[in-house]
Amino acid sequence: MRELVVEADGGSRGNPGPAGYGAVVLDPATGETLAEAAEYIGVATNNVAEYKGLIAGLRAALDLAPDATVRVRMDSKLVVEQMSGRWKIKHPDMKPLAAEAARAFPADRVHYEWIPRERNKHADRLANEAMDAGK
């Protein structure tokens, strides 16, 4: 079974404000970029943008290798902890996004890892480019 790495990020300029996300699918052995996704999503909160980035990354991984396992790396502690089941999802806007993320790729083959922002530069760049394009 193949393993993929998804790195995802989202951001907003203001909270809420103009928002976008970026996601990249990587080969864990070589670091090669296999797919990228980025989109301006209009006015949204940072957390909504983070979830949208996760969903896009998981969908890209599914398109590449539906039988893979996926290691998701994000600098959003909130998303990582909520999707790992360690934190409850209390905000009503986050519940449908978390459910959509759980459906985007078989949840039993997805593992979440928090990484510092400086290790998430590729996805962060894509998110910022999406926000710049949406102005």
N, C-alpha and C. Protein backbone atom coordinates (compact mmCIF):
# COMPACT_ATOMS: atom_id res chain seq x y z
N MET A 1 0.84 -1.17 0.00
CA MET A 1 0.00 0.00 0.00
C MET A 1 0.89 1.25 0.00
N ARG A 2 0.57 2.17 -0.84
CA ARG A 2 1.34 3.39 -0.99
C ARG A 2 1.02 4.38 0.14
N GLU A 3 2.02 5.15 0.51
CA GLU A 3 1.82 6.22 1.48
C GLU A 3 2.00 7.55 0.78
N LEU A 4 1.15 8.51 1.14
CA LEU A 4 1.25 9.87 0.64
C LEU A 4 1.28 10.83 1.82
N VAL A 5 1.86 11.98 1.59
CA VAL A 5 1.85 13.05 2.59
C VAL A 5 1.02 14.19 2.02
N VAL A 6 0.10 14.70 2.82
CA VAL A 6 -0.66 15.89 2.46
C VAL A 6 -0.26 17.00 3.43
N GLU A 7 0.18 18.11 2.89
CA GLU A 7 0.42 19.30 3.69
C GLU A 7 -0.61 20.33 3.26
N ALA A 8 -1.31 20.91 4.22
CA ALA A 8 -2.40 21.83 3.90
C ALA A 8 -2.33 23.04 4.80
N ASP A 9 -2.84 24.15 4.28
CA ASP A 9 -2.88 25.38 5.05
C ASP A 9 -4.03 26.23 4.55
N GLY A 10 -4.49 27.10 5.37
CA GLY A 10 -5.51 28.06 5.00
C GLY A 10 -5.28 29.32 5.78
N GLY A 11 -5.79 30.40 5.26
CA GLY A 11 -5.61 31.66 5.96
C GLY A 11 -6.65 32.67 5.54
N SER A 12 -6.77 33.71 6.35
CA SER A 12 -7.64 34.82 6.01
C SER A 12 -6.95 36.10 6.43
N ARG A 13 -7.20 37.12 5.70
CA ARG A 13 -6.64 38.44 6.01
C ARG A 13 -7.72 39.23 6.70
N GLY A 14 -7.72 39.09 8.01
CA GLY A 14 -8.82 39.51 8.86
C GLY A 14 -9.50 38.21 9.26
N ASN A 15 -10.27 38.24 10.32
CA ASN A 15 -10.87 36.99 10.77
C ASN A 15 -12.31 37.23 11.21
N PRO A 16 -13.28 37.21 10.31
CA PRO A 16 -13.16 36.76 8.92
C PRO A 16 -12.60 37.85 8.01
N GLY A 17 -12.19 37.40 6.85
CA GLY A 17 -11.66 38.28 5.83
C GLY A 17 -11.43 37.51 4.56
N PRO A 18 -10.83 38.16 3.56
CA PRO A 18 -10.52 37.45 2.31
C PRO A 18 -9.67 36.21 2.64
N ALA A 19 -10.11 35.05 2.16
CA ALA A 19 -9.50 33.80 2.59
C ALA A 19 -9.17 32.88 1.42
N GLY A 20 -8.21 32.01 1.67
CA GLY A 20 -7.84 31.01 0.67
C GLY A 20 -7.12 29.86 1.33
N TYR A 21 -6.92 28.83 0.54
CA TYR A 21 -6.21 27.66 1.07
C TYR A 21 -5.20 27.17 0.05
N GLY A 22 -4.28 26.35 0.54
CA GLY A 22 -3.33 25.66 -0.31
C GLY A 22 -3.10 24.26 0.24
N ALA A 23 -2.88 23.33 -0.65
CA ALA A 23 -2.60 21.96 -0.24
C ALA A 23 -1.64 21.35 -1.25
N VAL A 24 -0.78 20.49 -0.76
CA VAL A 24 0.17 19.80 -1.62
C VAL A 24 0.22 18.33 -1.22
N VAL A 25 0.30 17.46 -2.22
CA VAL A 25 0.45 16.03 -1.97
C VAL A 25 1.89 15.68 -2.36
N LEU A 26 2.58 15.03 -1.44
CA LEU A 26 4.00 14.71 -1.62
C LEU A 26 4.25 13.21 -1.55
N ASP A 27 5.28 12.79 -2.27
CA ASP A 27 5.81 11.44 -2.12
C ASP A 27 6.72 11.47 -0.89
N PRO A 28 6.44 10.67 0.16
CA PRO A 28 7.23 10.76 1.38
C PRO A 28 8.68 10.28 1.21
N ALA A 29 8.92 9.44 0.25
CA ALA A 29 10.28 8.92 0.06
C ALA A 29 11.18 9.93 -0.64
N THR A 30 10.63 10.64 -1.62
CA THR A 30 11.45 11.55 -2.43
C THR A 30 11.19 13.02 -2.15
N GLY A 31 10.03 13.33 -1.55
CA GLY A 31 9.65 14.72 -1.35
C GLY A 31 9.06 15.36 -2.60
N GLU A 32 8.93 14.57 -3.67
CA GLU A 32 8.41 15.08 -4.93
C GLU A 32 6.97 15.54 -4.76
N THR A 33 6.66 16.69 -5.36
CA THR A 33 5.29 17.19 -5.38
C THR A 33 4.50 16.40 -6.42
N LEU A 34 3.43 15.77 -5.98
CA LEU A 34 2.59 14.96 -6.86
C LEU A 34 1.34 15.72 -7.30
N ALA A 35 0.87 16.65 -6.46
CA ALA A 35 -0.32 17.44 -6.79
C ALA A 35 -0.35 18.67 -5.91
N GLU A 36 -0.97 19.72 -6.43
CA GLU A 36 -1.18 20.95 -5.68
C GLU A 36 -2.63 21.38 -5.87
N ALA A 37 -3.15 22.04 -4.86
CA ALA A 37 -4.49 22.62 -4.95
C ALA A 37 -4.46 23.94 -4.19
N ALA A 38 -5.12 24.94 -4.73
CA ALA A 38 -5.22 26.23 -4.06
C ALA A 38 -6.45 26.93 -4.58
N GLU A 39 -7.10 27.70 -3.71
CA GLU A 39 -8.30 28.40 -4.14
C GLU A 39 -8.60 29.57 -3.21
N TYR A 40 -9.02 30.67 -3.80
CA TYR A 40 -9.57 31.79 -3.06
C TYR A 40 -11.02 31.42 -2.74
N ILE A 41 -11.44 31.56 -1.48
CA ILE A 41 -12.78 31.12 -1.10
C ILE A 41 -13.68 32.28 -0.68
N GLY A 42 -13.25 33.51 -0.90
CA GLY A 42 -14.06 34.66 -0.50
C GLY A 42 -13.82 35.00 0.95
N VAL A 43 -14.80 35.61 1.58
CA VAL A 43 -14.67 36.02 2.98
C VAL A 43 -15.00 34.81 3.86
N ALA A 44 -14.06 34.47 4.71
CA ALA A 44 -14.22 33.33 5.61
C ALA A 44 -13.26 33.50 6.79
N THR A 45 -13.42 32.67 7.79
CA THR A 45 -12.48 32.69 8.91
C THR A 45 -11.25 31.85 8.57
N ASN A 46 -10.22 32.05 9.34
CA ASN A 46 -9.00 31.28 9.19
C ASN A 46 -9.28 29.78 9.36
N ASN A 47 -10.09 29.42 10.35
CA ASN A 47 -10.37 28.00 10.60
C ASN A 47 -11.13 27.36 9.44
N VAL A 48 -12.08 28.07 8.86
CA VAL A 48 -12.79 27.55 7.69
C VAL A 48 -11.80 27.31 6.56
N ALA A 49 -10.90 28.26 6.33
CA ALA A 49 -9.90 28.11 5.27
C ALA A 49 -8.99 26.92 5.53
N GLU A 50 -8.61 26.70 6.79
CA GLU A 50 -7.76 25.55 7.13
C GLU A 50 -8.47 24.24 6.79
N TYR A 51 -9.73 24.13 7.16
CA TYR A 51 -10.49 22.92 6.84
C TYR A 51 -10.64 22.73 5.33
N LYS A 52 -10.89 23.81 4.60
CA LYS A 52 -11.03 23.72 3.14
C LYS A 52 -9.72 23.23 2.52
N GLY A 53 -8.58 23.67 3.05
CA GLY A 53 -7.29 23.19 2.56
C GLY A 53 -7.12 21.70 2.81
N LEU A 54 -7.49 21.26 4.00
CA LEU A 54 -7.43 19.83 4.33
C LEU A 54 -8.28 19.02 3.37
N ILE A 55 -9.52 19.45 3.14
CA ILE A 55 -10.43 18.72 2.25
C ILE A 55 -9.84 18.63 0.85
N ALA A 56 -9.31 19.74 0.35
CA ALA A 56 -8.71 19.74 -1.00
C ALA A 56 -7.52 18.80 -1.08
N GLY A 57 -6.70 18.79 -0.05
CA GLY A 57 -5.53 17.90 -0.04
C GLY A 57 -5.93 16.44 0.00
N LEU A 58 -6.93 16.11 0.81
CA LEU A 58 -7.39 14.72 0.88
C LEU A 58 -8.02 14.28 -0.43
N ARG A 59 -8.77 15.16 -1.08
CA ARG A 59 -9.37 14.81 -2.38
C ARG A 59 -8.30 14.60 -3.44
N ALA A 60 -7.26 15.42 -3.41
CA ALA A 60 -6.16 15.25 -4.37
C ALA A 60 -5.45 13.92 -4.13
N ALA A 61 -5.26 13.56 -2.87
CA ALA A 61 -4.64 12.26 -2.55
C ALA A 61 -5.51 11.11 -3.03
N LEU A 62 -6.81 11.23 -2.85
CA LEU A 62 -7.74 10.19 -3.29
C LEU A 62 -7.68 10.03 -4.81
N ASP A 63 -7.60 11.14 -5.53
CA ASP A 63 -7.49 11.07 -7.00
C ASP A 63 -6.21 10.36 -7.43
N LEU A 64 -5.12 10.57 -6.69
CA LEU A 64 -3.83 9.98 -7.04
C LEU A 64 -3.74 8.50 -6.70
N ALA A 65 -4.20 8.15 -5.52
CA ALA A 65 -4.02 6.78 -5.02
C ALA A 65 -5.11 6.45 -4.01
N PRO A 66 -6.28 6.00 -4.47
CA PRO A 66 -7.40 5.75 -3.56
C PRO A 66 -7.13 4.67 -2.51
N ASP A 67 -6.11 3.83 -2.73
CA ASP A 67 -5.81 2.77 -1.77
C ASP A 67 -4.66 3.13 -0.82
N ALA A 68 -4.19 4.35 -0.88
CA ALA A 68 -3.03 4.78 -0.08
C ALA A 68 -3.39 5.01 1.38
N THR A 69 -2.35 5.14 2.19
CA THR A 69 -2.49 5.73 3.51
C THR A 69 -1.97 7.16 3.38
N VAL A 70 -2.50 8.04 4.20
CA VAL A 70 -2.15 9.45 4.10
C VAL A 70 -1.71 9.98 5.45
N ARG A 71 -0.59 10.67 5.44
CA ARG A 71 -0.12 11.38 6.62
C ARG A 71 -0.37 12.87 6.36
N VAL A 72 -1.29 13.45 7.10
CA VAL A 72 -1.61 14.87 6.95
C VAL A 72 -0.75 15.65 7.93
N ARG A 73 -0.08 16.66 7.40
CA ARG A 73 0.73 17.55 8.24
C ARG A 73 0.21 18.96 8.07
N MET A 74 -0.17 19.57 9.19
CA MET A 74 -0.71 20.92 9.17
C MET A 74 -0.17 21.71 10.36
N ASP A 75 -0.12 23.03 10.20
CA ASP A 75 0.29 23.87 11.33
C ASP A 75 -0.91 24.38 12.12
N SER A 76 -2.11 23.89 11.81
CA SER A 76 -3.31 24.22 12.57
C SER A 76 -3.52 23.18 13.66
N LYS A 77 -3.16 23.54 14.87
CA LYS A 77 -3.36 22.63 16.01
C LYS A 77 -4.83 22.27 16.15
N LEU A 78 -5.71 23.25 15.93
CA LEU A 78 -7.14 23.02 16.05
C LEU A 78 -7.61 21.91 15.12
N VAL A 79 -7.28 22.01 13.83
CA VAL A 79 -7.74 21.02 12.86
C VAL A 79 -7.12 19.66 13.16
N VAL A 80 -5.84 19.62 13.43
CA VAL A 80 -5.16 18.35 13.71
C VAL A 80 -5.79 17.66 14.92
N GLU A 81 -6.02 18.40 16.00
CA GLU A 81 -6.57 17.79 17.21
C GLU A 81 -8.03 17.39 17.03
N GLN A 82 -8.81 18.22 16.32
CA GLN A 82 -10.20 17.87 16.10
C GLN A 82 -10.32 16.65 15.19
N MET A 83 -9.57 16.62 14.11
CA MET A 83 -9.66 15.49 13.18
C MET A 83 -9.07 14.21 13.76
N SER A 84 -8.17 14.34 14.72
CA SER A 84 -7.62 13.16 15.41
C SER A 84 -8.55 12.64 16.48
N GLY A 85 -9.59 13.40 16.78
CA GLY A 85 -10.56 12.99 17.79
C GLY A 85 -10.18 13.33 19.21
N ARG A 86 -9.14 14.11 19.39
CA ARG A 86 -8.70 14.45 20.74
C ARG A 86 -9.42 15.69 21.28
N TRP A 87 -9.88 16.56 20.38
CA TRP A 87 -10.63 17.75 20.80
C TRP A 87 -12.02 17.67 20.21
N LYS A 88 -13.00 18.10 20.98
CA LYS A 88 -14.38 18.16 20.49
C LYS A 88 -14.52 19.31 19.50
N ILE A 89 -15.41 19.12 18.57
CA ILE A 89 -15.72 20.18 17.60
C ILE A 89 -16.96 20.88 18.12
N LYS A 90 -16.77 22.06 18.67
CA LYS A 90 -17.87 22.77 19.32
C LYS A 90 -18.52 23.81 18.41
N HIS A 91 -17.72 24.44 17.56
CA HIS A 91 -18.26 25.52 16.73
C HIS A 91 -19.13 24.95 15.62
N PRO A 92 -20.36 25.43 15.49
CA PRO A 92 -21.28 24.85 14.50
C PRO A 92 -20.79 24.95 13.05
N ASP A 93 -19.99 25.96 12.72
CA ASP A 93 -19.47 26.08 11.35
C ASP A 93 -18.41 25.03 11.04
N MET A 94 -17.76 24.50 12.07
CA MET A 94 -16.68 23.54 11.85
C MET A 94 -17.20 22.11 11.71
N LYS A 95 -18.35 21.81 12.28
CA LYS A 95 -18.87 20.44 12.26
C LYS A 95 -19.09 19.90 10.85
N PRO A 96 -19.76 20.65 9.95
CA PRO A 96 -19.92 20.10 8.59
C PRO A 96 -18.61 20.01 7.83
N LEU A 97 -17.68 20.93 8.09
CA LEU A 97 -16.38 20.86 7.42
C LEU A 97 -15.59 19.64 7.89
N ALA A 98 -15.62 19.36 9.18
CA ALA A 98 -14.92 18.18 9.70
C ALA A 98 -15.56 16.91 9.14
N ALA A 99 -16.87 16.89 9.03
CA ALA A 99 -17.55 15.73 8.46
C ALA A 99 -17.17 15.55 7.00
N GLU A 100 -17.09 16.65 6.27
CA GLU A 100 -16.69 16.58 4.86
C GLU A 100 -15.25 16.07 4.73
N ALA A 101 -14.38 16.54 5.61
CA ALA A 101 -12.98 16.07 5.59
C ALA A 101 -12.92 14.58 5.90
N ALA A 102 -13.73 14.12 6.84
CA ALA A 102 -13.74 12.70 7.21
C ALA A 102 -14.23 11.83 6.05
N ARG A 103 -15.10 12.38 5.21
CA ARG A 103 -15.61 11.64 4.05
C ARG A 103 -14.70 11.74 2.83
N ALA A 104 -13.77 12.70 2.82
CA ALA A 104 -12.95 12.95 1.64
C ALA A 104 -11.94 11.83 1.37
N PHE A 105 -11.57 11.09 2.40
CA PHE A 105 -10.62 9.98 2.28
C PHE A 105 -10.94 9.02 3.41
N PRO A 106 -10.84 7.71 3.19
CA PRO A 106 -11.17 6.77 4.28
C PRO A 106 -10.42 7.11 5.57
N ALA A 107 -11.18 7.49 6.58
CA ALA A 107 -10.62 8.03 7.82
C ALA A 107 -9.67 7.06 8.52
N ASP A 108 -9.87 5.77 8.35
CA ASP A 108 -9.00 4.80 9.03
C ASP A 108 -7.62 4.73 8.38
N ARG A 109 -7.43 5.41 7.25
CA ARG A 109 -6.12 5.42 6.59
C ARG A 109 -5.50 6.81 6.58
N VAL A 110 -6.00 7.70 7.44
CA VAL A 110 -5.48 9.06 7.53
C VAL A 110 -4.94 9.28 8.94
N HIS A 111 -3.73 9.79 9.02
CA HIS A 111 -3.08 10.08 10.30
C HIS A 111 -2.68 11.56 10.29
N TYR A 112 -2.91 12.23 11.40
CA TYR A 112 -2.69 13.68 11.49
C TYR A 112 -1.48 13.99 12.34
N GLU A 113 -0.74 14.99 11.89
CA GLU A 113 0.47 15.42 12.60
C GLU A 113 0.54 16.94 12.56
N TRP A 114 0.73 17.55 13.72
CA TRP A 114 0.95 18.99 13.78
C TRP A 114 2.41 19.28 13.45
N ILE A 115 2.65 20.29 12.62
CA ILE A 115 4.01 20.73 12.32
C ILE A 115 4.08 22.24 12.52
N PRO A 116 5.25 22.75 12.86
CA PRO A 116 5.38 24.20 13.00
C PRO A 116 5.20 24.90 11.64
N ARG A 117 4.76 26.13 11.68
CA ARG A 117 4.48 26.90 10.46
C ARG A 117 5.68 26.90 9.50
N GLU A 118 6.88 27.01 10.03
CA GLU A 118 8.06 27.07 9.15
C GLU A 118 8.29 25.78 8.36
N ARG A 119 7.66 24.69 8.77
CA ARG A 119 7.77 23.42 8.02
C ARG A 119 6.59 23.21 7.08
N ASN A 120 5.73 24.23 6.97
CA ASN A 120 4.55 24.12 6.12
C ASN A 120 4.56 25.21 5.05
N LYS A 121 5.75 25.56 4.59
CA LYS A 121 5.90 26.71 3.69
C LYS A 121 5.26 26.52 2.33
N HIS A 122 5.30 25.32 1.78
CA HIS A 122 4.74 25.07 0.45
C HIS A 122 3.24 25.34 0.44
N ALA A 123 2.51 24.73 1.38
CA ALA A 123 1.06 24.93 1.45
C ALA A 123 0.73 26.38 1.82
N ASP A 124 1.52 26.98 2.70
CA ASP A 124 1.32 28.37 3.08
C ASP A 124 1.48 29.29 1.88
N ARG A 125 2.49 29.04 1.06
CA ARG A 125 2.70 29.84 -0.15
C ARG A 125 1.50 29.73 -1.08
N LEU A 126 1.01 28.52 -1.27
CA LEU A 126 -0.16 28.32 -2.14
C LEU A 126 -1.38 29.06 -1.59
N ALA A 127 -1.59 29.01 -0.29
CA ALA A 127 -2.73 29.71 0.32
C ALA A 127 -2.61 31.21 0.11
N ASN A 128 -1.41 31.75 0.32
CA ASN A 128 -1.20 33.19 0.13
C ASN A 128 -1.36 33.60 -1.32
N GLU A 129 -0.89 32.75 -2.25
CA GLU A 129 -1.08 33.06 -3.67
C GLU A 129 -2.57 33.07 -4.02
N ALA A 130 -3.34 32.15 -3.44
CA ALA A 130 -4.78 32.13 -3.69
C ALA A 130 -5.44 33.39 -3.15
N MET A 131 -5.03 33.82 -1.95
CA MET A 131 -5.60 35.05 -1.39
C MET A 131 -5.22 36.26 -2.23
N ASP A 132 -3.98 36.30 -2.71
CA ASP A 132 -3.53 37.42 -3.56
C ASP A 132 -4.33 37.46 -4.86
N ALA A 133 -4.60 36.31 -5.43
CA ALA A 133 -5.33 36.23 -6.71
C ALA A 133 -6.80 36.63 -6.54
N GLY A 134 -7.33 36.48 -5.33
CA GLY A 134 -8.74 36.75 -5.10
C GLY A 134 -9.06 38.18 -4.75
N LYS A 135 -8.05 39.00 -4.59
CA LYS A 135 -8.29 40.40 -4.19
C LYS A 135 -9.19 41.12 -5.16
